[in-house]
C-alpha atoms as a PDB file:
ATOM      1  CA  MET A   1      81.242 -45.445 292.018  1.00  0.00           C
ATOM      2  CA  GLY A   2      81.226 -47.682 294.578  1.00  0.00           C
ATOM      3  CA  ARG A   3      78.831 -46.828 297.486  1.00  0.00           C
ATOM      4  CA  LEU A   4      81.643 -46.833 300.073  1.00  0.00           C
ATOM      5  CA  ASP A   5      84.303 -44.829 298.534  1.00  0.00           C
ATOM      6  CA  GLY A   6      86.789 -43.232 300.364  1.00  0.00           C
ATOM      7  CA  LYS A   7      85.480 -45.020 303.396  1.00  0.00           C
ATOM      8  CA  VAL A   8      87.714 -46.743 305.864  1.00  0.00           C
ATOM      9  CA  ALA A   9      86.044 -49.755 307.947  1.00  0.00           C
ATOM     10  CA  ILE A  10      87.228 -51.952 310.633  1.00  0.00           C
ATOM     11  CA  VAL A  11      84.957 -55.238 310.885  1.00  0.00           C
ATOM     12  CA  THR A  12      85.404 -57.505 313.858  1.00  0.00           C
ATOM     13  CA  GLY A  13      84.908 -61.100 314.068  1.00  0.00           C
ATOM     14  CA  ALA A  14      85.552 -61.091 310.075  1.00  0.00           C
ATOM     15  CA  SER A  15      86.879 -64.405 309.750  1.00  0.00           C
ATOM     16  CA  ARG A  16      83.674 -66.128 308.637  1.00  0.00           C
ATOM     17  CA  GLY A  17      79.668 -66.043 309.231  1.00  0.00           C
ATOM     18  CA  MET A  18      78.357 -62.242 308.543  1.00  0.00           C
ATOM     19  CA  GLY A  19      81.300 -60.902 309.112  1.00  0.00           C
ATOM     20  CA  GLU A  20      82.978 -62.020 306.286  1.00  0.00           C
ATOM     21  CA  SER A  21      79.623 -61.485 304.470  1.00  0.00           C
ATOM     22  CA  HIS A  22      80.187 -58.064 305.681  1.00  0.00           C
ATOM     23  CA  ALA A  23      83.848 -57.664 304.558  1.00  0.00           C
ATOM     24  CA  LYS A  24      83.344 -59.223 301.378  1.00  0.00           C
ATOM     25  CA  ARG A  25      80.358 -56.595 300.370  1.00  0.00           C
ATOM     26  CA  PHE A  26      82.310 -53.671 301.763  1.00  0.00           C
ATOM     27  CA  ILE A  27      85.437 -54.108 299.916  1.00  0.00           C
ATOM     28  CA  LYS A  28      83.037 -54.604 296.365  1.00  0.00           C
ATOM     29  CA  GLU A  29      81.184 -51.171 297.057  1.00  0.00           C
ATOM     30  CA  GLY A  30      85.057 -49.724 297.208  1.00  0.00           C
ATOM     31  CA  ALA A  31      85.867 -49.638 301.052  1.00  0.00           C
ATOM     32  CA  LYS A  32      89.227 -50.302 303.021  1.00  0.00           C
ATOM     33  CA  VAL A  33      88.668 -52.622 305.328  1.00  0.00           C
ATOM     34  CA  MET A  34      90.606 -53.813 308.267  1.00  0.00           C
ATOM     35  CA  LEU A  35      89.718 -57.052 309.218  1.00  0.00           C
ATOM     36  CA  THR A  36      90.170 -58.658 312.495  1.00  0.00           C
ATOM     37  CA  ASP A  37      88.988 -61.972 314.733  1.00  0.00           C
ATOM     38  CA  LEU A  38      90.892 -64.625 316.824  1.00  0.00           C
ATOM     39  CA  ASN A  39      90.571 -67.040 314.025  1.00  0.00           C
ATOM     40  CA  GLU A  40      94.144 -66.069 312.593  1.00  0.00           C
ATOM     41  CA  GLU A  41      94.319 -68.545 309.719  1.00  0.00           C
ATOM     42  CA  SER A  42      91.159 -67.705 308.310  1.00  0.00           C
ATOM     43  CA  GLY A  43      91.266 -64.190 308.273  1.00  0.00           C
ATOM     44  CA  GLN A  44      94.804 -63.818 306.798  1.00  0.00           C
ATOM     45  CA  LYS A  45      93.689 -65.952 303.800  1.00  0.00           C
ATOM     46  CA  LEU A  46      90.149 -64.021 303.382  1.00  0.00           C
ATOM     47  CA  ALA A  47      92.342 -60.794 303.617  1.00  0.00           C
ATOM     48  CA  ALA A  48      94.627 -62.013 301.007  1.00  0.00           C
ATOM     49  CA  GLU A  49      91.477 -63.313 298.812  1.00  0.00           C
ATOM     50  CA  LEU A  50      89.851 -59.819 298.845  1.00  0.00           C
ATOM     51  CA  GLY A  51      93.046 -57.857 297.625  1.00  0.00           C
ATOM     52  CA  ASP A  52      94.988 -54.443 298.584  1.00  0.00           C
ATOM     53  CA  ASN A  53      92.114 -52.731 300.231  1.00  0.00           C
ATOM     54  CA  ALA A  54      91.842 -55.179 303.008  1.00  0.00           C
ATOM     55  CA  ARG A  55      94.393 -55.901 305.551  1.00  0.00           C
ATOM     56  CA  PHE A  56      93.524 -58.443 308.941  1.00  0.00           C
ATOM     57  CA  THR A  57      94.687 -58.373 312.127  1.00  0.00           C
ATOM     58  CA  LYS A  58      94.299 -60.619 314.925  1.00  0.00           C
ATOM     59  CA  GLN A  59      92.164 -59.287 317.672  1.00  0.00           C
ATOM     60  CA  ASP A  60      90.624 -60.065 321.070  1.00  0.00           C
ATOM     61  CA  VAL A  61      87.970 -57.484 321.056  1.00  0.00           C
ATOM     62  CA  THR A  62      87.704 -57.614 324.816  1.00  0.00           C
ATOM     63  CA  LYS A  63      91.098 -56.114 325.324  1.00  0.00           C
ATOM     64  CA  LEU A  64      91.178 -52.504 325.237  1.00  0.00           C
ATOM     65  CA  GLU A  65      94.891 -52.471 324.242  1.00  0.00           C
ATOM     66  CA  ASP A  66      94.061 -54.775 321.328  1.00  0.00           C
ATOM     67  CA  TRP A  67      91.456 -51.869 320.352  1.00  0.00           C
ATOM     68  CA  THR A  68      94.159 -49.426 320.467  1.00  0.00           C
ATOM     69  CA  ARG A  69      96.199 -51.083 318.409  1.00  0.00           C
ATOM     70  CA  VAL A  70      94.103 -52.026 315.611  1.00  0.00           C
ATOM     71  CA  VAL A  71      92.934 -48.586 314.986  1.00  0.00           C
ATOM     72  CA  ALA A  72      96.683 -47.143 314.988  1.00  0.00           C
ATOM     73  CA  ALA A  73      97.269 -50.501 312.358  1.00  0.00           C
ATOM     74  CA  THR A  74      94.191 -49.183 310.078  1.00  0.00           C
ATOM     75  CA  GLU A  75      95.267 -45.608 310.475  1.00  0.00           C
ATOM     76  CA  GLU A  76      98.657 -46.118 309.427  1.00  0.00           C
ATOM     77  CA  ALA A  77      97.268 -48.409 306.532  1.00  0.00           C
ATOM     78  CA  PHE A  78      93.945 -46.886 305.426  1.00  0.00           C
ATOM     79  CA  GLY A  79      93.886 -43.185 307.039  1.00  0.00           C
ATOM     80  CA  PRO A  80      91.017 -41.958 309.493  1.00  0.00           C
ATOM     81  CA  ILE A  81      88.028 -44.682 310.232  1.00  0.00           C
ATOM     82  CA  THR A  82      84.724 -43.667 308.689  1.00  0.00           C
ATOM     83  CA  ILE A  83      83.022 -47.030 309.810  1.00  0.00           C
ATOM     84  CA  LEU A  84      83.192 -49.652 312.744  1.00  0.00           C
ATOM     85  CA  VAL A  85      80.998 -52.588 312.371  1.00  0.00           C
ATOM     86  CA  ASN A  86      81.012 -54.751 316.074  1.00  0.00           C
ATOM     87  CA  ASN A  87      80.346 -57.793 314.663  1.00  0.00           C
ATOM     88  CA  ALA A  88      82.173 -60.399 316.577  1.00  0.00           C
ATOM     89  CA  GLY A  89      79.986 -62.482 319.244  1.00  0.00           C
ATOM     90  CA  ILE A  90      79.256 -65.485 320.622  1.00  0.00           C
ATOM     91  CA  LEU A  91      75.977 -67.537 321.525  1.00  0.00           C
ATOM     92  CA  GLY A  92      77.431 -69.169 324.844  1.00  0.00           C
ATOM     93  CA  PRO A  93      75.806 -71.683 326.808  1.00  0.00           C
ATOM     94  CA  VAL A  94      72.032 -72.389 326.537  1.00  0.00           C
ATOM     95  CA  THR A  95      70.386 -73.250 329.298  1.00  0.00           C
ATOM     96  CA  THR A  96      68.595 -71.595 332.388  1.00  0.00           C
ATOM     97  CA  THR A  97      69.297 -68.835 334.502  1.00  0.00           C
ATOM     98  CA  VAL A  98      69.596 -70.810 337.544  1.00  0.00           C
ATOM     99  CA  ASP A  99      72.118 -72.757 336.120  1.00  0.00           C
ATOM    100  CA  LEU A 100      73.978 -70.365 334.077  1.00  0.00           C
ATOM    101  CA  ASP A 101      77.263 -69.899 335.982  1.00  0.00           C
ATOM    102  CA  GLU A 102      79.027 -66.485 336.705  1.00  0.00           C
ATOM    103  CA  GLU A 103      81.724 -67.356 334.416  1.00  0.00           C
ATOM    104  CA  ALA A 104      80.064 -67.815 331.274  1.00  0.00           C
ATOM    105  CA  TYR A 105      77.976 -64.872 332.010  1.00  0.00           C
ATOM    106  CA  GLN A 106      80.699 -62.958 332.052  1.00  0.00           C
ATOM    107  CA  LYS A 107      82.152 -64.539 329.365  1.00  0.00           C
ATOM    108  CA  VAL A 108      79.021 -63.722 326.680  1.00  0.00           C
ATOM    109  CA  MET A 109      78.422 -59.823 328.503  1.00  0.00           C
ATOM    110  CA  SER A 110      82.174 -59.280 327.892  1.00  0.00           C
ATOM    111  CA  ILE A 111      82.221 -60.711 324.043  1.00  0.00           C
ATOM    112  CA  ASN A 112      78.967 -59.683 322.998  1.00  0.00           C
ATOM    113  CA  ALA A 113      78.253 -56.516 325.082  1.00  0.00           C
ATOM    114  CA  ASP A 114      81.836 -54.890 326.618  1.00  0.00           C
ATOM    115  CA  SER A 115      83.594 -55.381 323.170  1.00  0.00           C
ATOM    116  CA  GLN A 116      81.455 -52.705 321.434  1.00  0.00           C
ATOM    117  CA  PHE A 117      81.859 -50.263 324.052  1.00  0.00           C
ATOM    118  CA  LEU A 118      85.700 -50.483 323.654  1.00  0.00           C
ATOM    119  CA  GLY A 119      85.078 -50.270 319.971  1.00  0.00           C
ATOM    120  CA  ALA A 120      83.461 -47.203 319.908  1.00  0.00           C
ATOM    121  CA  LYS A 121      85.381 -45.634 322.633  1.00  0.00           C
ATOM    122  CA  SER A 122      88.858 -46.415 320.312  1.00  0.00           C
ATOM    123  CA  VAL A 123      87.268 -45.643 317.054  1.00  0.00           C
ATOM    124  CA  ILE A 124      85.159 -42.582 317.644  1.00  0.00           C
ATOM    125  CA  PRO A 125      88.303 -40.568 318.145  1.00  0.00           C
ATOM    126  CA  SER A 126      89.076 -41.606 314.623  1.00  0.00           C
ATOM    127  CA  MET A 127      86.105 -40.633 313.494  1.00  0.00           C
ATOM    128  CA  LEU A 128      86.109 -37.598 314.643  1.00  0.00           C
ATOM    129  CA  LYS A 129      89.177 -36.642 312.874  1.00  0.00           C
ATOM    130  CA  ALA A 130      87.160 -38.012 309.746  1.00  0.00           C
ATOM    131  CA  GLY A 131      84.409 -35.739 310.363  1.00  0.00           C
ATOM    132  CA  ILE A 132      82.117 -38.280 309.677  1.00  0.00           C
ATOM    133  CA  GLY A 133      81.471 -41.818 310.973  1.00  0.00           C
ATOM    134  CA  SER A 134      78.926 -44.690 311.502  1.00  0.00           C
ATOM    135  CA  ILE A 135      78.705 -47.498 313.745  1.00  0.00           C
ATOM    136  CA  VAL A 136      76.863 -50.702 313.257  1.00  0.00           C
ATOM    137  CA  ASN A 137      76.560 -52.659 316.115  1.00  0.00           C
ATOM    138  CA  ILE A 138      75.035 -55.996 315.625  1.00  0.00           C
ATOM    139  CA  SER A 139      73.272 -57.013 318.035  1.00  0.00           C
ATOM    140  CA  SER A 140      70.467 -59.561 317.650  1.00  0.00           C
ATOM    141  CA  LEU A 141      66.393 -60.803 317.703  1.00  0.00           C
ATOM    142  CA  ALA A 142      67.404 -61.506 321.327  1.00  0.00           C
ATOM    143  CA  GLY A 143      67.918 -57.879 321.709  1.00  0.00           C
ATOM    144  CA  LEU A 144      64.483 -56.978 321.692  1.00  0.00           C
ATOM    145  CA  ARG A 145      62.632 -59.639 322.813  1.00  0.00           C
ATOM    146  CA  ALA A 146      63.537 -63.101 325.287  1.00  0.00           C
ATOM    147  CA  ASN A 147      62.486 -66.473 324.793  1.00  0.00           C
ATOM    148  CA  TYR A 148      62.569 -69.087 327.271  1.00  0.00           C
ATOM    149  CA  GLY A 149      65.212 -71.578 327.254  1.00  0.00           C
ATOM    150  CA  PHE A 150      66.770 -70.401 323.998  1.00  0.00           C
ATOM    151  CA  PRO A 151      69.189 -68.188 324.249  1.00  0.00           C
ATOM    152  CA  SER A 152      70.196 -67.779 327.726  1.00  0.00           C
ATOM    153  CA  LEU A 153      70.029 -64.675 330.085  1.00  0.00           C
ATOM    154  CA  ALA A 154      73.056 -63.815 329.048  1.00  0.00           C
ATOM    155  CA  TYR A 155      72.876 -63.155 325.583  1.00  0.00           C
ATOM    156  CA  VAL A 156      69.769 -61.474 325.982  1.00  0.00           C
ATOM    157  CA  ALA A 157      71.401 -59.032 328.349  1.00  0.00           C
ATOM    158  CA  SER A 158      74.054 -58.785 326.106  1.00  0.00           C
ATOM    159  CA  LYS A 159      72.040 -58.087 322.833  1.00  0.00           C
ATOM    160  CA  PHE A 160      69.814 -55.661 325.282  1.00  0.00           C
ATOM    161  CA  ALA A 161      73.193 -53.581 326.585  1.00  0.00           C
ATOM    162  CA  THR A 162      73.937 -53.673 322.373  1.00  0.00           C
ATOM    163  CA  ARG A 163      70.904 -51.427 321.635  1.00  0.00           C
ATOM    164  CA  GLY A 164      71.099 -49.169 324.697  1.00  0.00           C
ATOM    165  CA  MET A 165      74.630 -48.487 324.138  1.00  0.00           C
ATOM    166  CA  THR A 166      73.981 -48.039 320.644  1.00  0.00           C
ATOM    167  CA  LYS A 167      71.248 -45.159 321.786  1.00  0.00           C
ATOM    168  CA  ALA A 168      73.998 -43.424 324.049  1.00  0.00           C
ATOM    169  CA  ILE A 169      76.359 -43.450 320.886  1.00  0.00           C
ATOM    170  CA  ALA A 170      73.963 -41.516 318.591  1.00  0.00           C
ATOM    171  CA  ALA A 171      72.579 -39.032 321.388  1.00  0.00           C
ATOM    172  CA  GLU A 172      76.043 -38.162 322.607  1.00  0.00           C
ATOM    173  CA  TYR A 173      77.869 -38.382 318.655  1.00  0.00           C
ATOM    174  CA  GLY A 174      75.049 -36.958 316.383  1.00  0.00           C
ATOM    175  CA  ALA A 175      76.167 -33.553 316.381  1.00  0.00           C
ATOM    176  CA  ASN A 176      79.807 -34.509 315.281  1.00  0.00           C
ATOM    177  CA  ASN A 177      78.098 -35.832 312.317  1.00  0.00           C
ATOM    178  CA  ILE A 178      78.743 -39.603 313.792  1.00  0.00           C
ATOM    179  CA  ARG A 179      75.916 -42.025 313.232  1.00  0.00           C
ATOM    180  CA  ALA A 180      75.461 -45.355 315.309  1.00  0.00           C
ATOM    181  CA  ASN A 181      72.421 -47.643 314.402  1.00  0.00           C
ATOM    182  CA  SER A 182      71.826 -51.863 315.528  1.00  0.00           C
ATOM    183  CA  VAL A 183      70.813 -54.237 313.443  1.00  0.00           C
ATOM    184  CA  HIS A 184      68.778 -57.072 314.686  1.00  0.00           C
ATOM    185  CA  PRO A 185      69.018 -60.381 312.703  1.00  0.00           C
ATOM    186  CA  GLY A 186      66.721 -63.700 313.528  1.00  0.00           C
ATOM    187  CA  PHE A 187      67.580 -66.715 312.083  1.00  0.00           C
ATOM    188  CA  ILE A 188      70.830 -66.706 309.768  1.00  0.00           C
ATOM    189  CA  ASN A 189      71.978 -69.423 308.263  1.00  0.00           C
ATOM    190  CA  THR A 190      76.196 -69.050 309.846  1.00  0.00           C
ATOM    191  CA  PRO A 191      78.157 -71.866 311.496  1.00  0.00           C
ATOM    192  CA  MET A 192      77.062 -70.566 315.145  1.00  0.00           C
ATOM    193  CA  MET A 193      73.991 -70.555 314.028  1.00  0.00           C
ATOM    194  CA  VAL A 194      73.839 -74.231 312.456  1.00  0.00           C
ATOM    195  CA  GLU A 195      76.040 -75.224 315.542  1.00  0.00           C
ATOM    196  CA  ALA A 196      73.144 -74.040 317.720  1.00  0.00           C
ATOM    197  CA  THR A 197      69.978 -75.635 315.971  1.00  0.00           C
ATOM    198  CA  ASP A 198      70.578 -77.035 312.483  1.00  0.00           C
ATOM    199  CA  GLU A 199      70.791 -76.185 308.785  1.00  0.00           C
ATOM    200  CA  GLY A 200      66.884 -75.454 308.548  1.00  0.00           C
ATOM    201  CA  GLY A 201      67.249 -73.818 311.324  1.00  0.00           C
ATOM    202  CA  GLY A 202      64.927 -76.369 313.826  1.00  0.00           C
ATOM    203  CA  ASP A 203      61.860 -75.206 315.749  1.00  0.00           C
ATOM    204  CA  ALA A 204      62.145 -71.466 314.755  1.00  0.00           C
ATOM    205  CA  LEU A 205      60.591 -71.814 311.192  1.00  0.00           C
ATOM    206  CA  LYS A 206      57.479 -72.067 312.718  1.00  0.00           C
ATOM    207  CA  GLU A 207      57.901 -68.364 313.679  1.00  0.00           C
ATOM    208  CA  ILE A 208      59.477 -67.537 310.533  1.00  0.00           C
ATOM    209  CA  PHE A 209      57.138 -66.060 307.761  1.00  0.00           C
ATOM    210  CA  LEU A 210      59.674 -66.652 304.902  1.00  0.00           C
ATOM    211  CA  GLY A 211      59.753 -70.208 305.424  1.00  0.00           C
ATOM    212  CA  ARG A 212      63.618 -70.528 305.603  1.00  0.00           C
ATOM    213  CA  LEU A 213      66.674 -69.036 307.117  1.00  0.00           C
ATOM    214  CA  ALA A 214      68.296 -65.701 305.981  1.00  0.00           C
ATOM    215  CA  GLU A 215      71.915 -66.119 304.197  1.00  0.00           C
ATOM    216  CA  ALA A 216      74.421 -63.804 305.585  1.00  0.00           C
ATOM    217  CA  ASP A 217      74.445 -61.484 302.671  1.00  0.00           C
ATOM    218  CA  GLU A 218      71.198 -60.406 302.845  1.00  0.00           C
ATOM    219  CA  VAL A 219      72.298 -58.914 306.365  1.00  0.00           C
ATOM    220  CA  SER A 220      75.285 -57.567 304.789  1.00  0.00           C
ATOM    221  CA  SER A 221      72.843 -55.403 302.581  1.00  0.00           C
ATOM    222  CA  LEU A 222      71.501 -53.962 305.835  1.00  0.00           C
ATOM    223  CA  VAL A 223      74.659 -53.295 307.215  1.00  0.00           C
ATOM    224  CA  LEU A 224      76.204 -51.733 303.980  1.00  0.00           C
ATOM    225  CA  PHE A 225      73.051 -49.343 303.760  1.00  0.00           C
ATOM    226  CA  LEU A 226      73.759 -48.327 307.306  1.00  0.00           C
ATOM    227  CA  ALA A 227      77.462 -47.819 306.941  1.00  0.00           C
ATOM    228  CA  SER A 228      77.094 -45.946 303.470  1.00  0.00           C
ATOM    229  CA  ASP A 229      76.054 -42.145 303.443  1.00  0.00           C
ATOM    230  CA  GLU A 230      72.591 -43.553 301.892  1.00  0.00           C
ATOM    231  CA  SER A 231      71.387 -43.486 305.374  1.00  0.00           C
ATOM    232  CA  SER A 232      72.761 -40.385 306.575  1.00  0.00           C
ATOM    233  CA  TYR A 233      69.323 -39.075 308.341  1.00  0.00           C
ATOM    234  CA  ILE A 234      69.217 -42.513 310.378  1.00  0.00           C
ATOM    235  CA  THR A 235      70.325 -42.861 313.511  1.00  0.00           C
ATOM    236  CA  GLY A 236      69.622 -44.511 317.210  1.00  0.00           C
ATOM    237  CA  ALA A 237      67.807 -46.917 315.259  1.00  0.00           C
ATOM    238  CA  GLU A 238      67.036 -50.794 315.899  1.00  0.00           C
ATOM    239  CA  HIS A 239      66.666 -52.270 312.728  1.00  0.00           C
ATOM    240  CA  LYS A 240      65.296 -55.735 312.201  1.00  0.00           C
ATOM    241  CA  ILE A 241      66.080 -58.295 309.600  1.00  0.00           C
ATOM    242  CA  ASP A 242      64.014 -61.682 311.088  1.00  0.00           C
ATOM    243  CA  ALA A 243      61.295 -62.505 308.652  1.00  0.00           C
ATOM    244  CA  GLY A 244      58.240 -61.358 310.492  1.00  0.00           C
ATOM    245  CA  MET A 245      59.631 -63.185 313.788  1.00  0.00           C
ATOM    246  CA  SER A 246      59.183 -60.544 316.304  1.00  0.00           C
ATOM    247  CA  ALA A 247      55.718 -59.893 314.337  1.00  0.00           C
ATOM    248  CA  HIS A 248      54.026 -62.428 316.400  1.00  0.00           C
END
């Protein structure tokens, strides 16, 4: 038996990086998964590779109407939703607060934070019908601490917002058997991280106890645990996966 047998999940930002890895692990463990992303070509290709238990739909996670459509399509294909992984996110510009323009700030907040509110708002009614739910919000080590210059204030603010929303959802819907947890990765070997630093992680390696970047699948192991019934008494919590970076 798979660890997610009978579960129905939505994974955003699923066409590459951590989202792709989460979707693959979920399918392997028996879940039915709706993958969403703006990258339609990659998303459709991945869903086809994953088989009958996977679907893809193009989604702008900052639009409530897109969330409404995705939830309806998922329920039509697989039934009530029991897992939501709010994974979609961007790094945004690496700059100082003074040089960060308002448009760039709003874009980062919209994609990283507002989308997670819209996701929860849209999916929780389906979870209430199912009588169970697990929301996994992907935050960052930057949702626990700030570093000068990298990443920017916008990224840090968005990831702290994720942490707060997660706790509020956990408090509000715990009595309905809906759990919410945030995941706080450090430096992960994904296209977004490599684009921002390099394949070796740049100067970050000095702070990483294990001396290497994490692979996306290592984060997926934690996300899988939080999505599954194995974590049935865990909610409203931050889960660090940073090889000791926050232990300094």
